[in-house]
Amino acid sequence: MITAKLNTYRQSPRKVRLVSDSVKGKSVEQAIQTLKVTTKSAALPLLKLIESAVDNAKKSFNVDSKGLYIKEFRV
């Protein structure tokens, strides 16, 4: 399991949860495409978080991003 954390983001959890629920359970490619077209302000930090997690997975575990999906988000 690959995890990533965003500790210092200051926005209400309700607003962030709206965006995170829209990508939960999707593949990484689908999640990135969804976040790129989402107009909510929480979309950009979550997009960066997902991209960071994918980069860490590639470097640390030598995993291809095509098989990755979003299992869960905790807000």
N, C-alpha and C. Protein backbone atom coordinates (compact mmCIF):
# COMPACT_ATOMS: atom_id res chain seq x y z
N MET A 1 0.84 -1.17 0.00
CA MET A 1 0.00 0.00 0.00
C MET A 1 0.89 1.24 0.00
N ILE A 2 0.55 2.17 -0.83
CA ILE A 2 1.28 3.42 -0.96
C ILE A 2 0.43 4.53 -0.36
N THR A 3 1.01 5.32 0.52
CA THR A 3 0.25 6.39 1.17
C THR A 3 0.94 7.73 0.94
N ALA A 4 0.14 8.78 1.01
CA ALA A 4 0.66 10.14 0.93
C ALA A 4 -0.20 11.00 1.85
N LYS A 5 0.41 12.00 2.46
CA LYS A 5 -0.30 12.86 3.41
C LYS A 5 -0.18 14.31 3.00
N LEU A 6 -1.22 15.06 3.26
CA LEU A 6 -1.24 16.50 3.07
C LEU A 6 -1.63 17.09 4.42
N ASN A 7 -0.65 17.50 5.20
CA ASN A 7 -0.89 17.89 6.59
C ASN A 7 -1.26 19.35 6.78
N THR A 8 -0.76 20.24 5.97
CA THR A 8 -0.88 21.66 6.27
C THR A 8 -1.86 22.39 5.37
N TYR A 9 -2.86 21.72 4.84
CA TYR A 9 -3.84 22.38 3.97
C TYR A 9 -4.96 22.95 4.82
N ARG A 10 -5.20 24.25 4.69
CA ARG A 10 -6.19 24.93 5.52
C ARG A 10 -7.46 25.22 4.72
N GLN A 11 -8.40 24.31 4.79
CA GLN A 11 -9.73 24.49 4.22
C GLN A 11 -10.67 23.59 5.00
N SER A 12 -11.94 23.91 4.97
CA SER A 12 -12.87 23.12 5.77
C SER A 12 -12.95 21.69 5.23
N PRO A 13 -13.03 20.73 6.12
CA PRO A 13 -13.09 19.32 5.68
C PRO A 13 -14.29 19.02 4.80
N ARG A 14 -15.39 19.69 5.02
CA ARG A 14 -16.58 19.44 4.22
C ARG A 14 -16.33 19.77 2.75
N LYS A 15 -15.64 20.86 2.50
CA LYS A 15 -15.36 21.26 1.12
C LYS A 15 -14.35 20.33 0.46
N VAL A 16 -13.36 19.90 1.22
CA VAL A 16 -12.36 18.99 0.67
C VAL A 16 -12.98 17.62 0.43
N ARG A 17 -13.86 17.21 1.32
CA ARG A 17 -14.50 15.90 1.19
C ARG A 17 -15.36 15.81 -0.06
N LEU A 18 -15.97 16.92 -0.49
CA LEU A 18 -16.76 16.93 -1.72
C LEU A 18 -15.89 16.53 -2.92
N VAL A 19 -14.69 17.05 -2.96
CA VAL A 19 -13.79 16.76 -4.07
C VAL A 19 -13.20 15.36 -3.93
N SER A 20 -12.79 14.99 -2.73
CA SER A 20 -12.15 13.69 -2.54
C SER A 20 -13.12 12.54 -2.80
N ASP A 21 -14.38 12.72 -2.48
CA ASP A 21 -15.36 11.67 -2.74
C ASP A 21 -15.59 11.46 -4.24
N SER A 22 -15.34 12.49 -5.04
CA SER A 22 -15.56 12.35 -6.48
C SER A 22 -14.49 11.50 -7.15
N VAL A 23 -13.33 11.32 -6.52
CA VAL A 23 -12.26 10.52 -7.14
C VAL A 23 -11.99 9.22 -6.40
N LYS A 24 -12.66 8.99 -5.30
CA LYS A 24 -12.43 7.78 -4.52
C LYS A 24 -12.87 6.55 -5.31
N GLY A 25 -12.00 5.54 -5.37
CA GLY A 25 -12.33 4.31 -6.07
C GLY A 25 -11.96 4.31 -7.55
N LYS A 26 -11.52 5.42 -8.08
CA LYS A 26 -11.16 5.51 -9.49
C LYS A 26 -9.69 5.17 -9.69
N SER A 27 -9.34 4.90 -10.93
CA SER A 27 -7.93 4.70 -11.25
C SER A 27 -7.22 6.05 -11.16
N VAL A 28 -5.91 6.02 -11.10
CA VAL A 28 -5.14 7.25 -10.96
C VAL A 28 -5.34 8.16 -12.17
N GLU A 29 -5.36 7.59 -13.38
CA GLU A 29 -5.55 8.39 -14.58
C GLU A 29 -6.91 9.07 -14.58
N GLN A 30 -7.96 8.33 -14.21
CA GLN A 30 -9.30 8.91 -14.16
C GLN A 30 -9.39 9.99 -13.09
N ALA A 31 -8.75 9.76 -11.95
CA ALA A 31 -8.78 10.73 -10.86
C ALA A 31 -8.08 12.03 -11.27
N ILE A 32 -6.94 11.91 -11.95
CA ILE A 32 -6.23 13.10 -12.39
C ILE A 32 -7.05 13.88 -13.39
N GLN A 33 -7.68 13.20 -14.33
CA GLN A 33 -8.51 13.88 -15.31
C GLN A 33 -9.72 14.56 -14.65
N THR A 34 -10.31 13.90 -13.67
CA THR A 34 -11.45 14.48 -12.96
C THR A 34 -11.03 15.74 -12.20
N LEU A 35 -9.88 15.68 -11.53
CA LEU A 35 -9.43 16.83 -10.74
C LEU A 35 -9.00 18.00 -11.62
N LYS A 36 -8.52 17.72 -12.82
CA LYS A 36 -8.11 18.80 -13.71
C LYS A 36 -9.29 19.62 -14.20
N VAL A 37 -10.46 19.03 -14.30
CA VAL A 37 -11.63 19.77 -14.78
C VAL A 37 -12.54 20.26 -13.65
N THR A 38 -12.23 19.88 -12.41
CA THR A 38 -13.03 20.31 -11.27
C THR A 38 -12.69 21.75 -10.93
N THR A 39 -13.72 22.56 -10.68
CA THR A 39 -13.51 23.98 -10.40
C THR A 39 -13.37 24.31 -8.92
N LYS A 40 -13.52 23.34 -8.05
CA LYS A 40 -13.38 23.58 -6.62
C LYS A 40 -11.93 23.88 -6.27
N SER A 41 -11.71 24.69 -5.24
CA SER A 41 -10.35 25.08 -4.88
C SER A 41 -9.55 23.94 -4.26
N ALA A 42 -10.21 22.93 -3.75
CA ALA A 42 -9.50 21.79 -3.15
C ALA A 42 -8.96 20.84 -4.21
N ALA A 43 -9.33 21.01 -5.46
CA ALA A 43 -8.92 20.09 -6.51
C ALA A 43 -7.41 20.16 -6.77
N LEU A 44 -6.84 21.34 -6.79
CA LEU A 44 -5.41 21.48 -7.09
C LEU A 44 -4.52 20.83 -6.03
N PRO A 45 -4.73 21.06 -4.74
CA PRO A 45 -3.89 20.37 -3.75
C PRO A 45 -4.06 18.85 -3.78
N LEU A 46 -5.27 18.36 -4.03
CA LEU A 46 -5.48 16.92 -4.11
C LEU A 46 -4.82 16.35 -5.36
N LEU A 47 -4.83 17.10 -6.44
CA LEU A 47 -4.15 16.68 -7.66
C LEU A 47 -2.64 16.56 -7.43
N LYS A 48 -2.08 17.55 -6.76
CA LYS A 48 -0.64 17.50 -6.44
C LYS A 48 -0.33 16.34 -5.50
N LEU A 49 -1.23 16.06 -4.56
CA LEU A 49 -1.03 14.95 -3.63
C LEU A 49 -1.02 13.61 -4.37
N ILE A 50 -1.95 13.43 -5.30
CA ILE A 50 -2.01 12.18 -6.06
C ILE A 50 -0.77 12.03 -6.94
N GLU A 51 -0.38 13.12 -7.60
CA GLU A 51 0.81 13.06 -8.45
C GLU A 51 2.07 12.76 -7.63
N SER A 52 2.15 13.30 -6.43
CA SER A 52 3.28 13.03 -5.55
C SER A 52 3.29 11.56 -5.13
N ALA A 53 2.13 11.02 -4.81
CA ALA A 53 2.05 9.61 -4.41
C ALA A 53 2.45 8.69 -5.56
N VAL A 54 2.04 9.04 -6.78
CA VAL A 54 2.40 8.23 -7.95
C VAL A 54 3.91 8.29 -8.19
N ASP A 55 4.50 9.47 -8.07
CA ASP A 55 5.95 9.61 -8.23
C ASP A 55 6.71 8.82 -7.17
N ASN A 56 6.22 8.86 -5.94
CA ASN A 56 6.86 8.09 -4.86
C ASN A 56 6.74 6.59 -5.11
N ALA A 57 5.61 6.16 -5.66
CA ALA A 57 5.43 4.74 -5.96
C ALA A 57 6.39 4.30 -7.05
N LYS A 58 6.57 5.16 -8.04
CA LYS A 58 7.49 4.81 -9.14
C LYS A 58 8.92 4.72 -8.64
N LYS A 59 9.33 5.66 -7.79
CA LYS A 59 10.71 5.68 -7.30
C LYS A 59 10.98 4.58 -6.28
N SER A 60 10.09 4.43 -5.32
CA SER A 60 10.34 3.52 -4.21
C SER A 60 10.03 2.06 -4.54
N PHE A 61 8.91 1.83 -5.19
CA PHE A 61 8.46 0.46 -5.41
C PHE A 61 8.56 0.00 -6.85
N ASN A 62 8.99 0.88 -7.75
CA ASN A 62 9.13 0.57 -9.18
C ASN A 62 7.82 0.03 -9.74
N VAL A 63 6.72 0.74 -9.47
CA VAL A 63 5.38 0.34 -9.86
C VAL A 63 4.93 1.19 -11.04
N ASP A 64 4.22 0.57 -11.97
CA ASP A 64 3.65 1.31 -13.09
C ASP A 64 2.35 1.99 -12.64
N SER A 65 2.13 3.21 -13.07
CA SER A 65 0.96 3.97 -12.60
C SER A 65 -0.35 3.48 -13.19
N LYS A 66 -0.30 2.64 -14.20
CA LYS A 66 -1.54 2.15 -14.82
C LYS A 66 -2.31 1.22 -13.90
N GLY A 67 -1.65 0.54 -13.00
CA GLY A 67 -2.32 -0.38 -12.10
C GLY A 67 -2.75 0.24 -10.78
N LEU A 68 -2.47 1.51 -10.58
CA LEU A 68 -2.79 2.16 -9.32
C LEU A 68 -4.20 2.73 -9.33
N TYR A 69 -4.85 2.72 -8.18
CA TYR A 69 -6.16 3.34 -8.03
C TYR A 69 -6.24 3.98 -6.65
N ILE A 70 -7.24 4.81 -6.46
CA ILE A 70 -7.46 5.51 -5.20
C ILE A 70 -8.32 4.62 -4.32
N LYS A 71 -7.74 4.09 -3.28
CA LYS A 71 -8.47 3.21 -2.38
C LYS A 71 -9.32 4.01 -1.40
N GLU A 72 -8.70 5.00 -0.75
CA GLU A 72 -9.45 5.80 0.21
C GLU A 72 -8.80 7.17 0.40
N PHE A 73 -9.62 8.09 0.82
CA PHE A 73 -9.17 9.42 1.24
C PHE A 73 -9.68 9.64 2.65
N ARG A 74 -8.85 10.16 3.51
CA ARG A 74 -9.29 10.53 4.86
C ARG A 74 -9.17 12.03 4.99
N VAL A 75 -10.27 12.68 5.29
CA VAL A 75 -10.30 14.13 5.44
C VAL A 75 -10.70 14.46 6.85
